[in-house]
N, C-alpha and C. Protein backbone atom coordinates (compact mmCIF):
# COMPACT_ATOMS: atom_id res chain seq x y z
N MET A 1 49.76 49.76 40.01
CA MET A 1 48.85 48.61 40.18
C MET A 1 49.67 47.35 40.42
N ASP A 2 49.40 46.70 41.54
CA ASP A 2 50.16 45.50 41.89
C ASP A 2 49.74 44.34 41.01
N MET A 3 50.73 43.68 40.51
CA MET A 3 50.47 42.50 39.68
C MET A 3 50.79 41.25 40.48
N GLN A 4 49.83 40.45 40.72
CA GLN A 4 50.03 39.20 41.44
C GLN A 4 50.30 38.10 40.43
N PRO A 5 51.29 37.24 40.70
CA PRO A 5 51.56 36.15 39.76
C PRO A 5 50.35 35.24 39.65
N GLU A 6 50.11 34.87 38.43
CA GLU A 6 48.96 33.99 38.21
C GLU A 6 49.22 32.62 38.81
N GLN A 7 48.26 32.07 39.44
CA GLN A 7 48.35 30.74 40.03
C GLN A 7 47.34 29.83 39.34
N GLU A 8 47.83 28.65 39.09
CA GLU A 8 46.93 27.68 38.46
C GLU A 8 45.87 27.26 39.46
N GLU A 9 44.70 27.21 39.00
CA GLU A 9 43.60 26.79 39.86
C GLU A 9 43.60 25.28 39.98
N LEU A 10 43.66 24.83 41.21
CA LEU A 10 43.64 23.39 41.46
C LEU A 10 42.20 22.92 41.54
N LYS A 11 41.94 21.94 40.75
CA LYS A 11 40.58 21.40 40.73
C LYS A 11 40.61 19.96 41.22
N SER A 12 39.65 19.64 41.99
CA SER A 12 39.54 18.27 42.47
C SER A 12 39.08 17.38 41.34
N PRO A 13 39.36 16.06 41.43
CA PRO A 13 38.90 15.15 40.36
C PRO A 13 37.43 15.25 40.10
N GLU A 14 36.67 15.60 41.19
CA GLU A 14 35.22 15.65 40.99
C GLU A 14 34.83 16.79 40.07
N THR A 15 35.60 17.94 40.15
CA THR A 15 35.22 19.10 39.35
C THR A 15 35.63 18.96 37.91
N THR A 16 36.56 18.03 37.62
CA THR A 16 37.02 17.85 36.25
C THR A 16 36.16 16.88 35.47
N GLU A 17 35.33 16.13 36.14
CA GLU A 17 34.47 15.19 35.45
C GLU A 17 33.27 15.91 34.84
N GLN A 18 32.81 15.42 33.75
CA GLN A 18 31.64 15.99 33.11
C GLN A 18 30.42 15.68 33.94
N SER A 19 29.57 16.67 34.05
CA SER A 19 28.35 16.46 34.82
C SER A 19 27.41 15.55 34.04
N ILE A 20 26.63 14.82 34.76
CA ILE A 20 25.70 13.87 34.15
C ILE A 20 24.30 14.41 34.32
N SER A 21 23.60 14.53 33.25
CA SER A 21 22.24 15.04 33.32
C SER A 21 21.32 14.01 33.93
N PRO A 22 20.22 14.43 34.52
CA PRO A 22 19.27 13.46 35.09
C PRO A 22 18.80 12.43 34.09
N LYS A 23 18.67 12.85 32.80
CA LYS A 23 18.21 11.90 31.79
C LYS A 23 19.22 10.81 31.57
N GLU A 24 20.56 11.21 31.50
CA GLU A 24 21.61 10.22 31.33
C GLU A 24 21.71 9.32 32.53
N SER A 25 21.46 9.90 33.73
CA SER A 25 21.54 9.10 34.95
C SER A 25 20.50 8.01 34.96
N GLU A 26 19.28 8.35 34.46
CA GLU A 26 18.22 7.35 34.45
C GLU A 26 18.53 6.21 33.51
N SER A 27 19.20 6.53 32.39
CA SER A 27 19.48 5.48 31.40
C SER A 27 20.71 4.68 31.72
N SER A 28 21.52 5.13 32.70
CA SER A 28 22.74 4.41 33.05
C SER A 28 22.41 3.24 33.95
N PRO A 29 23.19 2.17 33.90
CA PRO A 29 22.94 1.03 34.79
C PRO A 29 23.15 1.43 36.24
N VAL A 30 22.37 0.81 37.13
CA VAL A 30 22.48 1.13 38.55
C VAL A 30 23.85 0.76 39.08
N LEU A 31 24.36 -0.39 38.68
CA LEU A 31 25.64 -0.86 39.18
C LEU A 31 26.42 -1.52 38.06
N SER A 32 27.64 -1.12 37.92
CA SER A 32 28.50 -1.71 36.90
C SER A 32 29.82 -2.05 37.54
N ILE A 33 30.17 -3.35 37.54
CA ILE A 33 31.41 -3.80 38.16
C ILE A 33 32.30 -4.40 37.09
N GLN A 34 33.52 -3.91 37.00
CA GLN A 34 34.49 -4.45 36.06
C GLN A 34 35.69 -4.93 36.83
N LEU A 35 36.08 -6.16 36.59
CA LEU A 35 37.22 -6.74 37.29
C LEU A 35 38.38 -6.88 36.32
N TYR A 36 39.41 -6.08 36.54
CA TYR A 36 40.62 -6.20 35.74
C TYR A 36 41.79 -6.46 36.66
N SER A 37 41.63 -7.40 37.54
CA SER A 37 42.64 -7.62 38.57
C SER A 37 43.08 -9.06 38.56
N TRP A 38 44.30 -9.29 39.05
CA TRP A 38 44.77 -10.68 39.20
C TRP A 38 43.97 -11.42 40.24
N ALA A 39 43.21 -10.67 41.06
CA ALA A 39 42.43 -11.33 42.11
C ALA A 39 41.17 -11.98 41.58
N THR A 40 40.83 -11.74 40.30
CA THR A 40 39.60 -12.31 39.76
C THR A 40 39.53 -13.83 39.88
N PRO A 41 40.58 -14.58 39.50
CA PRO A 41 40.48 -16.04 39.67
C PRO A 41 40.34 -16.46 41.11
N ILE A 42 40.91 -15.67 42.04
CA ILE A 42 40.77 -16.01 43.46
C ILE A 42 39.32 -15.85 43.89
N VAL A 43 38.68 -14.75 43.43
CA VAL A 43 37.27 -14.54 43.76
C VAL A 43 36.43 -15.69 43.24
N ALA A 44 36.73 -16.13 42.01
CA ALA A 44 35.99 -17.26 41.44
C ALA A 44 36.20 -18.53 42.24
N LEU A 45 37.45 -18.75 42.69
CA LEU A 45 37.75 -19.94 43.48
C LEU A 45 37.02 -19.89 44.81
N VAL A 46 37.02 -18.72 45.46
CA VAL A 46 36.30 -18.58 46.73
C VAL A 46 34.82 -18.83 46.54
N ALA A 47 34.26 -18.31 45.44
CA ALA A 47 32.84 -18.54 45.16
C ALA A 47 32.55 -20.01 44.98
N LEU A 48 33.47 -20.74 44.31
CA LEU A 48 33.29 -22.17 44.12
C LEU A 48 33.32 -22.90 45.45
N VAL A 49 34.29 -22.54 46.31
CA VAL A 49 34.39 -23.19 47.62
C VAL A 49 33.16 -22.91 48.45
N VAL A 50 32.69 -21.64 48.43
CA VAL A 50 31.48 -21.29 49.18
C VAL A 50 30.29 -22.09 48.67
N GLY A 51 30.22 -22.26 47.34
CA GLY A 51 29.12 -23.04 46.79
C GLY A 51 29.15 -24.49 47.22
N LEU A 52 30.36 -25.07 47.24
CA LEU A 52 30.49 -26.46 47.67
C LEU A 52 30.13 -26.61 49.14
N LEU A 53 30.62 -25.68 49.97
CA LEU A 53 30.29 -25.75 51.39
C LEU A 53 28.80 -25.55 51.60
N GLY A 54 28.22 -24.63 50.82
CA GLY A 54 26.78 -24.42 50.94
C GLY A 54 26.01 -25.67 50.59
N GLY A 55 26.43 -26.36 49.53
CA GLY A 55 25.76 -27.61 49.17
C GLY A 55 25.86 -28.65 50.24
N TYR A 56 27.04 -28.70 50.91
CA TYR A 56 27.21 -29.71 51.96
C TYR A 56 26.31 -29.40 53.15
N PHE A 57 26.28 -28.12 53.58
CA PHE A 57 25.51 -27.79 54.77
C PHE A 57 24.02 -27.70 54.49
N LEU A 58 23.64 -27.57 53.20
CA LEU A 58 22.22 -27.61 52.86
C LEU A 58 21.71 -29.02 52.68
N ARG A 59 22.65 -30.00 52.71
CA ARG A 59 22.27 -31.40 52.56
C ARG A 59 21.20 -31.83 53.56
N PRO A 60 21.30 -31.46 54.87
CA PRO A 60 20.24 -31.86 55.79
C PRO A 60 18.90 -31.26 55.44
N VAL A 61 18.90 -30.04 54.80
CA VAL A 61 17.64 -29.43 54.42
C VAL A 61 16.95 -30.26 53.34
N ILE A 62 17.75 -30.74 52.37
CA ILE A 62 17.20 -31.55 51.29
C ILE A 62 16.64 -32.86 51.84
N SER A 63 17.36 -33.44 52.80
CA SER A 63 16.96 -34.75 53.31
C SER A 63 16.01 -34.65 54.50
N GLY A 64 15.62 -33.40 54.91
CA GLY A 64 14.68 -33.24 56.00
C GLY A 64 15.29 -33.29 57.36
N GLU A 65 16.60 -33.15 57.49
CA GLU A 65 17.25 -33.20 58.78
C GLU A 65 17.69 -31.82 59.20
N LYS A 66 17.93 -31.65 60.51
CA LYS A 66 18.45 -30.40 61.03
C LYS A 66 19.96 -30.48 61.06
N SER A 67 20.61 -29.40 60.62
CA SER A 67 22.06 -29.39 60.63
C SER A 67 22.57 -29.11 62.02
N ALA A 68 23.78 -29.60 62.31
CA ALA A 68 24.39 -29.38 63.61
C ALA A 68 24.77 -27.93 63.76
N PRO A 69 24.66 -27.34 64.99
CA PRO A 69 25.03 -25.94 65.19
C PRO A 69 26.50 -25.72 64.92
N VAL A 70 26.80 -24.56 64.38
CA VAL A 70 28.17 -24.19 64.08
C VAL A 70 28.63 -23.17 65.09
N ALA A 71 29.81 -23.37 65.66
CA ALA A 71 30.31 -22.46 66.67
C ALA A 71 30.51 -21.08 66.09
N ALA A 72 30.04 -20.05 66.84
CA ALA A 72 30.17 -18.68 66.38
C ALA A 72 31.60 -18.20 66.54
N GLY A 73 31.96 -17.25 65.71
CA GLY A 73 33.27 -16.63 65.86
C GLY A 73 34.40 -17.36 65.18
N THR A 74 34.10 -18.44 64.48
CA THR A 74 35.16 -19.18 63.78
C THR A 74 35.19 -18.73 62.33
N VAL A 75 36.08 -17.81 62.04
CA VAL A 75 36.21 -17.25 60.70
C VAL A 75 37.55 -17.67 60.14
N ALA A 76 37.51 -18.31 58.98
CA ALA A 76 38.75 -18.78 58.37
C ALA A 76 39.42 -17.63 57.64
N THR A 77 40.72 -17.55 57.76
CA THR A 77 41.50 -16.55 57.04
C THR A 77 42.50 -17.25 56.14
N ALA A 78 42.90 -16.57 55.12
CA ALA A 78 43.83 -17.17 54.17
C ALA A 78 44.92 -16.17 53.83
N GLU A 79 46.10 -16.69 53.56
CA GLU A 79 47.21 -15.85 53.13
C GLU A 79 46.99 -15.43 51.68
N PRO A 80 47.48 -14.25 51.30
CA PRO A 80 47.37 -13.84 49.89
C PRO A 80 47.99 -14.88 48.97
N ILE A 81 47.35 -15.10 47.85
CA ILE A 81 47.79 -16.12 46.90
C ILE A 81 48.30 -15.45 45.64
N ASP A 82 49.44 -15.89 45.20
CA ASP A 82 49.97 -15.43 43.92
C ASP A 82 49.42 -16.32 42.83
N PRO A 83 48.52 -15.81 41.97
CA PRO A 83 47.92 -16.69 40.95
C PRO A 83 48.94 -17.29 40.00
N GLN A 84 50.06 -16.60 39.77
CA GLN A 84 51.08 -17.16 38.89
C GLN A 84 51.71 -18.41 39.50
N ALA A 85 51.85 -18.39 40.85
CA ALA A 85 52.45 -19.54 41.51
C ALA A 85 51.54 -20.76 41.45
N ALA A 86 50.21 -20.51 41.29
CA ALA A 86 49.26 -21.62 41.24
C ALA A 86 49.20 -22.28 39.88
N LEU A 87 49.77 -21.65 38.86
CA LEU A 87 49.73 -22.23 37.53
C LEU A 87 50.63 -23.46 37.44
N PRO A 88 50.17 -24.52 36.79
CA PRO A 88 50.99 -25.73 36.69
C PRO A 88 52.23 -25.49 35.84
N ALA A 89 53.34 -25.98 36.34
CA ALA A 89 54.59 -25.85 35.59
C ALA A 89 54.86 -27.08 34.74
N THR A 90 53.99 -28.10 34.89
CA THR A 90 54.19 -29.34 34.16
C THR A 90 53.75 -29.18 32.71
N PRO A 91 54.51 -29.64 31.76
CA PRO A 91 54.11 -29.57 30.35
C PRO A 91 52.79 -30.29 30.12
N PRO A 92 51.99 -29.84 29.16
CA PRO A 92 50.67 -30.45 28.90
C PRO A 92 50.74 -31.95 28.64
N GLU A 93 51.79 -32.40 27.93
CA GLU A 93 51.86 -33.83 27.63
C GLU A 93 52.05 -34.65 28.90
N ASP A 94 52.80 -34.09 29.88
CA ASP A 94 52.98 -34.79 31.15
C ASP A 94 51.67 -34.83 31.93
N LEU A 95 50.90 -33.74 31.89
CA LEU A 95 49.61 -33.72 32.58
C LEU A 95 48.67 -34.76 31.99
N GLU A 96 48.67 -34.88 30.68
CA GLU A 96 47.82 -35.88 30.03
C GLU A 96 48.23 -37.29 30.43
N ALA A 97 49.53 -37.52 30.54
CA ALA A 97 50.02 -38.83 30.97
C ALA A 97 49.59 -39.12 32.40
N ARG A 98 49.63 -38.09 33.25
CA ARG A 98 49.21 -38.29 34.64
C ARG A 98 47.72 -38.57 34.73
N ARG A 99 46.93 -37.86 33.93
CA ARG A 99 45.49 -38.12 33.93
C ARG A 99 45.20 -39.56 33.51
N LYS A 100 45.88 -40.01 32.48
CA LYS A 100 45.67 -41.38 32.01
C LYS A 100 46.09 -42.39 33.06
N ALA A 101 47.21 -42.13 33.74
CA ALA A 101 47.67 -43.04 34.79
C ALA A 101 46.68 -43.10 35.94
N LEU A 102 46.12 -41.93 36.29
CA LEU A 102 45.12 -41.89 37.37
C LEU A 102 43.87 -42.66 36.97
N MET A 103 43.41 -42.46 35.75
CA MET A 103 42.21 -43.16 35.29
C MET A 103 42.45 -44.66 35.23
N ASP A 104 43.61 -45.07 34.76
CA ASP A 104 43.92 -46.49 34.69
C ASP A 104 43.93 -47.11 36.09
N ALA A 105 44.48 -46.37 37.07
CA ALA A 105 44.52 -46.88 38.44
C ALA A 105 43.11 -47.02 39.01
N LEU A 106 42.25 -46.04 38.74
CA LEU A 106 40.87 -46.11 39.23
C LEU A 106 40.11 -47.26 38.57
N LEU A 107 40.31 -47.43 37.28
CA LEU A 107 39.63 -48.52 36.58
C LEU A 107 40.06 -49.87 37.12
N ALA A 108 41.35 -49.99 37.45
CA ALA A 108 41.86 -51.26 37.97
C ALA A 108 41.25 -51.61 39.32
N GLN A 109 40.85 -50.58 40.09
CA GLN A 109 40.30 -50.81 41.43
C GLN A 109 38.78 -50.89 41.44
N THR A 110 38.15 -50.58 40.32
CA THR A 110 36.69 -50.59 40.26
C THR A 110 36.18 -52.00 39.99
N LYS A 111 35.30 -52.48 40.85
CA LYS A 111 34.80 -53.85 40.74
C LYS A 111 33.50 -53.95 39.95
N HIS A 112 32.70 -52.90 40.00
CA HIS A 112 31.33 -53.02 39.51
C HIS A 112 31.11 -52.12 38.29
N PHE A 113 30.85 -52.76 37.15
CA PHE A 113 30.59 -52.04 35.90
C PHE A 113 29.27 -52.52 35.31
N LYS A 114 28.65 -51.66 34.54
CA LYS A 114 27.53 -52.07 33.70
C LYS A 114 27.68 -51.39 32.35
N GLY A 115 27.28 -52.09 31.30
CA GLY A 115 27.42 -51.55 29.96
C GLY A 115 28.49 -52.28 29.17
N ASN A 116 28.69 -51.83 27.97
CA ASN A 116 29.63 -52.43 27.04
C ASN A 116 31.07 -52.27 27.53
N PRO A 117 31.81 -53.37 27.77
CA PRO A 117 33.20 -53.25 28.23
C PRO A 117 34.09 -52.49 27.26
N ASP A 118 33.72 -52.47 25.98
CA ASP A 118 34.52 -51.78 24.96
C ASP A 118 33.95 -50.41 24.59
N ALA A 119 33.08 -49.88 25.43
CA ALA A 119 32.48 -48.57 25.14
C ALA A 119 33.57 -47.49 25.09
N PRO A 120 33.43 -46.52 24.21
CA PRO A 120 34.46 -45.48 24.10
C PRO A 120 34.53 -44.55 25.30
N VAL A 121 33.47 -44.51 26.12
CA VAL A 121 33.43 -43.62 27.28
C VAL A 121 33.11 -44.44 28.52
N THR A 122 33.84 -44.16 29.61
CA THR A 122 33.58 -44.80 30.90
C THR A 122 33.28 -43.73 31.93
N ILE A 123 32.19 -43.88 32.65
CA ILE A 123 31.82 -42.98 33.74
C ILE A 123 32.03 -43.71 35.06
N LEU A 124 32.78 -43.10 35.98
CA LEU A 124 32.98 -43.67 37.31
C LEU A 124 32.20 -42.83 38.32
N GLU A 125 31.33 -43.49 39.05
CA GLU A 125 30.51 -42.81 40.05
C GLU A 125 31.05 -43.10 41.45
N PHE A 126 31.41 -42.06 42.19
CA PHE A 126 31.78 -42.18 43.60
C PHE A 126 30.53 -41.84 44.41
N SER A 127 30.05 -42.79 45.20
CA SER A 127 28.71 -42.61 45.76
C SER A 127 28.58 -43.23 47.15
N ASP A 128 27.58 -42.72 47.89
CA ASP A 128 27.20 -43.22 49.21
C ASP A 128 25.72 -43.57 49.13
N PHE A 129 25.35 -44.77 49.54
CA PHE A 129 23.96 -45.19 49.41
C PHE A 129 23.00 -44.36 50.26
N GLN A 130 23.51 -43.63 51.28
CA GLN A 130 22.65 -42.77 52.09
C GLN A 130 22.57 -41.33 51.57
N CYS A 131 23.48 -40.96 50.69
CA CYS A 131 23.59 -39.57 50.25
C CYS A 131 22.34 -39.13 49.48
N PRO A 132 21.66 -38.05 49.91
CA PRO A 132 20.44 -37.63 49.20
C PRO A 132 20.71 -37.15 47.79
N TYR A 133 21.87 -36.52 47.56
CA TYR A 133 22.20 -36.08 46.21
C TYR A 133 22.51 -37.27 45.31
N CYS A 134 23.15 -38.30 45.88
CA CYS A 134 23.38 -39.53 45.11
C CYS A 134 22.04 -40.18 44.77
N GLY A 135 21.11 -40.11 45.72
CA GLY A 135 19.78 -40.65 45.46
C GLY A 135 19.06 -39.90 44.36
N ARG A 136 19.25 -38.58 44.33
CA ARG A 136 18.64 -37.79 43.27
C ARG A 136 19.26 -38.13 41.92
N PHE A 137 20.58 -38.32 41.91
CA PHE A 137 21.25 -38.73 40.67
C PHE A 137 20.70 -40.06 40.19
N PHE A 138 20.53 -41.00 41.12
CA PHE A 138 20.01 -42.32 40.77
C PHE A 138 18.62 -42.22 40.18
N ALA A 139 17.78 -41.35 40.75
CA ALA A 139 16.38 -41.27 40.32
C ALA A 139 16.19 -40.45 39.06
N GLU A 140 17.00 -39.40 38.87
CA GLU A 140 16.72 -38.45 37.80
C GLU A 140 17.71 -38.52 36.63
N VAL A 141 18.97 -38.79 36.91
CA VAL A 141 20.00 -38.71 35.87
C VAL A 141 20.38 -40.08 35.33
N GLU A 142 20.60 -41.02 36.24
CA GLU A 142 21.07 -42.34 35.82
C GLU A 142 20.12 -43.02 34.83
N PRO A 143 18.79 -42.91 34.99
CA PRO A 143 17.92 -43.53 33.98
C PRO A 143 18.15 -42.98 32.58
N GLN A 144 18.45 -41.69 32.47
CA GLN A 144 18.72 -41.10 31.16
C GLN A 144 20.04 -41.61 30.58
N ILE A 145 21.05 -41.76 31.45
CA ILE A 145 22.33 -42.31 30.99
C ILE A 145 22.14 -43.74 30.50
N ASN A 146 21.36 -44.51 31.27
CA ASN A 146 21.10 -45.90 30.87
C ASN A 146 20.44 -45.97 29.50
N GLN A 147 19.38 -45.16 29.33
CA GLN A 147 18.58 -45.24 28.11
C GLN A 147 19.32 -44.69 26.89
N GLN A 148 20.00 -43.56 27.06
CA GLN A 148 20.57 -42.86 25.91
C GLN A 148 21.98 -43.31 25.55
N TYR A 149 22.72 -43.87 26.53
CA TYR A 149 24.12 -44.14 26.26
C TYR A 149 24.56 -45.57 26.59
N ILE A 150 24.12 -46.10 27.72
CA ILE A 150 24.59 -47.43 28.12
C ILE A 150 23.94 -48.51 27.26
N GLU A 151 22.64 -48.40 27.05
CA GLU A 151 21.93 -49.44 26.30
C GLU A 151 22.38 -49.53 24.84
N ASN A 152 22.88 -48.44 24.27
CA ASN A 152 23.34 -48.50 22.88
C ASN A 152 24.85 -48.70 22.77
N GLY A 153 25.51 -48.98 23.91
CA GLY A 153 26.91 -49.34 23.88
C GLY A 153 27.90 -48.20 23.85
N GLN A 154 27.44 -46.96 23.98
CA GLN A 154 28.36 -45.83 23.92
C GLN A 154 29.09 -45.58 25.24
N VAL A 155 28.49 -46.00 26.34
CA VAL A 155 29.05 -45.71 27.67
C VAL A 155 28.97 -46.95 28.54
N ARG A 156 29.98 -47.16 29.35
CA ARG A 156 29.88 -48.11 30.45
C ARG A 156 30.04 -47.32 31.74
N MET A 157 29.44 -47.79 32.81
CA MET A 157 29.42 -47.05 34.06
C MET A 157 29.97 -47.92 35.18
N GLY A 158 30.83 -47.33 36.01
CA GLY A 158 31.40 -48.04 37.14
C GLY A 158 31.00 -47.38 38.45
N TYR A 159 30.88 -48.18 39.48
CA TYR A 159 30.49 -47.68 40.81
C TYR A 159 31.63 -47.88 41.79
N ILE A 160 31.98 -46.80 42.52
CA ILE A 160 33.03 -46.85 43.54
C ILE A 160 32.43 -46.38 44.86
N HIS A 161 32.61 -47.15 45.91
CA HIS A 161 32.07 -46.77 47.22
C HIS A 161 32.77 -45.54 47.77
N PHE A 162 31.96 -44.59 48.25
CA PHE A 162 32.47 -43.41 48.95
C PHE A 162 31.58 -43.19 50.17
N ALA A 163 31.60 -44.19 51.06
CA ALA A 163 30.70 -44.20 52.22
C ALA A 163 31.23 -43.27 53.30
N PHE A 164 30.64 -42.08 53.39
CA PHE A 164 31.16 -41.06 54.31
C PHE A 164 30.12 -40.53 55.30
N LEU A 165 28.91 -41.05 55.26
CA LEU A 165 27.85 -40.47 56.08
C LEU A 165 27.54 -41.26 57.35
N GLY A 166 28.41 -42.17 57.74
CA GLY A 166 28.19 -42.85 59.01
C GLY A 166 28.11 -44.36 58.90
N GLN A 167 27.73 -44.97 60.03
CA GLN A 167 27.77 -46.42 60.14
C GLN A 167 26.86 -47.11 59.14
N GLU A 168 25.67 -46.59 58.94
CA GLU A 168 24.74 -47.27 58.02
C GLU A 168 25.24 -47.21 56.57
N SER A 169 26.01 -46.18 56.24
CA SER A 169 26.62 -46.13 54.91
C SER A 169 27.61 -47.27 54.74
N LEU A 170 28.39 -47.53 55.79
CA LEU A 170 29.36 -48.62 55.74
C LEU A 170 28.65 -49.97 55.65
N TRP A 171 27.60 -50.14 56.46
CA TRP A 171 26.86 -51.40 56.42
C TRP A 171 26.25 -51.63 55.04
N ALA A 172 25.69 -50.58 54.45
CA ALA A 172 25.07 -50.72 53.13
C ALA A 172 26.12 -51.09 52.07
N ALA A 173 27.29 -50.46 52.15
CA ALA A 173 28.36 -50.78 51.20
C ALA A 173 28.81 -52.23 51.35
N GLU A 174 28.96 -52.67 52.60
CA GLU A 174 29.37 -54.06 52.84
C GLU A 174 28.31 -55.04 52.34
N ALA A 175 27.05 -54.70 52.58
CA ALA A 175 25.97 -55.59 52.12
C ALA A 175 25.94 -55.67 50.60
N SER A 176 26.22 -54.56 49.93
CA SER A 176 26.23 -54.58 48.46
C SER A 176 27.36 -55.45 47.93
N GLU A 177 28.47 -55.52 48.67
CA GLU A 177 29.57 -56.40 48.25
C GLU A 177 29.18 -57.87 48.43
N CYS A 178 28.41 -58.14 49.48
CA CYS A 178 27.91 -59.51 49.65
C CYS A 178 26.98 -59.88 48.49
N ALA A 179 26.15 -58.91 48.08
CA ALA A 179 25.28 -59.16 46.93
C ALA A 179 26.10 -59.36 45.66
N ALA A 180 27.21 -58.62 45.55
CA ALA A 180 28.07 -58.76 44.37
C ALA A 180 28.67 -60.15 44.28
N ASP A 181 28.95 -60.76 45.44
CA ASP A 181 29.47 -62.12 45.44
C ASP A 181 28.48 -63.11 44.83
N GLN A 182 27.19 -62.70 44.81
CA GLN A 182 26.15 -63.54 44.22
C GLN A 182 25.67 -62.97 42.88
N ASP A 183 26.53 -62.13 42.26
CA ASP A 183 26.23 -61.52 40.96
C ASP A 183 24.94 -60.70 41.00
N ALA A 184 24.72 -60.00 42.11
CA ALA A 184 23.49 -59.21 42.23
C ALA A 184 23.78 -57.79 42.73
N PHE A 185 24.97 -57.28 42.38
CA PHE A 185 25.32 -55.95 42.91
C PHE A 185 24.34 -54.89 42.44
N TRP A 186 24.07 -54.81 41.14
CA TRP A 186 23.26 -53.71 40.63
C TRP A 186 21.81 -53.80 41.08
N GLU A 187 21.30 -55.02 41.25
CA GLU A 187 19.95 -55.16 41.79
C GLU A 187 19.90 -54.63 43.23
N PHE A 188 20.91 -54.97 44.02
CA PHE A 188 20.96 -54.50 45.41
C PHE A 188 21.22 -52.99 45.45
N HIS A 189 22.04 -52.52 44.56
CA HIS A 189 22.31 -51.08 44.40
C HIS A 189 21.00 -50.32 44.21
N ASP A 190 20.15 -50.80 43.31
CA ASP A 190 18.87 -50.14 43.05
C ASP A 190 17.96 -50.21 44.27
N LYS A 191 17.95 -51.36 44.94
CA LYS A 191 17.11 -51.53 46.12
C LYS A 191 17.51 -50.55 47.22
N LEU A 192 18.80 -50.36 47.43
CA LEU A 192 19.26 -49.45 48.47
C LEU A 192 18.85 -48.01 48.17
N PHE A 193 19.06 -47.56 46.96
CA PHE A 193 18.71 -46.18 46.64
C PHE A 193 17.20 -45.96 46.69
N ASN A 194 16.44 -46.96 46.33
CA ASN A 194 14.98 -46.84 46.41
C ASN A 194 14.47 -46.90 47.85
N SER A 195 15.34 -47.28 48.79
CA SER A 195 14.94 -47.42 50.19
C SER A 195 15.50 -46.32 51.08
N GLN A 196 16.06 -45.27 50.50
CA GLN A 196 16.60 -44.18 51.32
C GLN A 196 15.52 -43.57 52.20
N ASN A 197 15.90 -43.23 53.44
CA ASN A 197 14.96 -42.59 54.37
C ASN A 197 15.74 -41.78 55.39
N GLY A 198 16.49 -40.80 54.91
CA GLY A 198 17.32 -40.01 55.82
C GLY A 198 18.64 -40.72 56.09
N GLU A 199 19.44 -40.08 56.93
CA GLU A 199 20.78 -40.58 57.21
C GLU A 199 20.85 -41.17 58.62
N ASN A 200 21.27 -42.43 58.70
CA ASN A 200 21.47 -43.12 59.97
C ASN A 200 20.21 -43.09 60.84
N ARG A 201 19.08 -43.33 60.20
CA ARG A 201 17.80 -43.39 60.92
C ARG A 201 17.25 -44.81 60.98
N GLY A 202 18.04 -45.78 60.57
CA GLY A 202 17.59 -47.15 60.64
C GLY A 202 17.20 -47.76 59.31
N ALA A 203 17.16 -46.94 58.26
CA ALA A 203 16.77 -47.48 56.95
C ALA A 203 17.71 -48.58 56.50
N PHE A 204 19.01 -48.43 56.82
CA PHE A 204 20.00 -49.42 56.44
C PHE A 204 20.59 -50.10 57.67
N SER A 205 19.72 -50.41 58.60
CA SER A 205 20.16 -51.22 59.75
C SER A 205 20.49 -52.63 59.26
N LYS A 206 21.18 -53.38 60.08
CA LYS A 206 21.56 -54.74 59.67
C LYS A 206 20.33 -55.60 59.40
N ASP A 207 19.30 -55.43 60.22
CA ASP A 207 18.08 -56.22 60.01
C ASP A 207 17.43 -55.88 58.67
N ASN A 208 17.35 -54.59 58.35
CA ASN A 208 16.75 -54.19 57.08
C ASN A 208 17.57 -54.66 55.89
N LEU A 209 18.88 -54.61 56.02
CA LEU A 209 19.74 -55.06 54.92
C LEU A 209 19.55 -56.55 54.66
N LYS A 210 19.35 -57.31 55.72
CA LYS A 210 19.08 -58.74 55.54
C LYS A 210 17.75 -58.95 54.84
N LYS A 211 16.76 -58.09 55.17
CA LYS A 211 15.46 -58.21 54.51
C LYS A 211 15.57 -57.87 53.02
N PHE A 212 16.39 -56.86 52.71
CA PHE A 212 16.57 -56.49 51.31
C PHE A 212 17.16 -57.65 50.50
N ALA A 213 18.01 -58.43 51.15
CA ALA A 213 18.70 -59.52 50.45
C ALA A 213 17.83 -60.77 50.32
N ALA A 214 16.76 -60.82 51.10
CA ALA A 214 15.93 -62.03 51.10
C ALA A 214 15.15 -62.17 49.79
């Protein structure tokens, strides 16, 4: 009787796994994703960038305008990023000193404040008088800050021009500075935000700005 040497039976990974009964399958989650990779922070960063870009391009939808067409076929690519290389090498105490220096520089350049000058907290707002999101902040958030924090001396608020939406944004910013020369910046600030009507549609034309000041 011929004896053949025994050979180990090779099994595929699929055959070595325990079978799952239909009952267990029903109770298992449909999709389970676990990220144990160095790429996780990159995915989060990409999601943040996509969210910011989405907010910018959805801006015309909020304000009732049509967005400009985007050329097809323009896909951005990026080189692989080493997350370790992105970590700051500066000691924490140096970073804190830099933050303080940056804040001091911004405060020195800010002309318009409201609230207690000695308040323990200062909020700096970078804003455009035409920006619909800035208008929403003015209408919905700023009144709460005024009532809950500024009026009781806990917060002072500063305004910094960030006019980026076109000519009427620049005209509105310039007009507000003229009002500031007459100690009426915040009154004019409120008038502008209450008069928003889309971007560069004439709401902040020179003639209208003169009427606002009258």
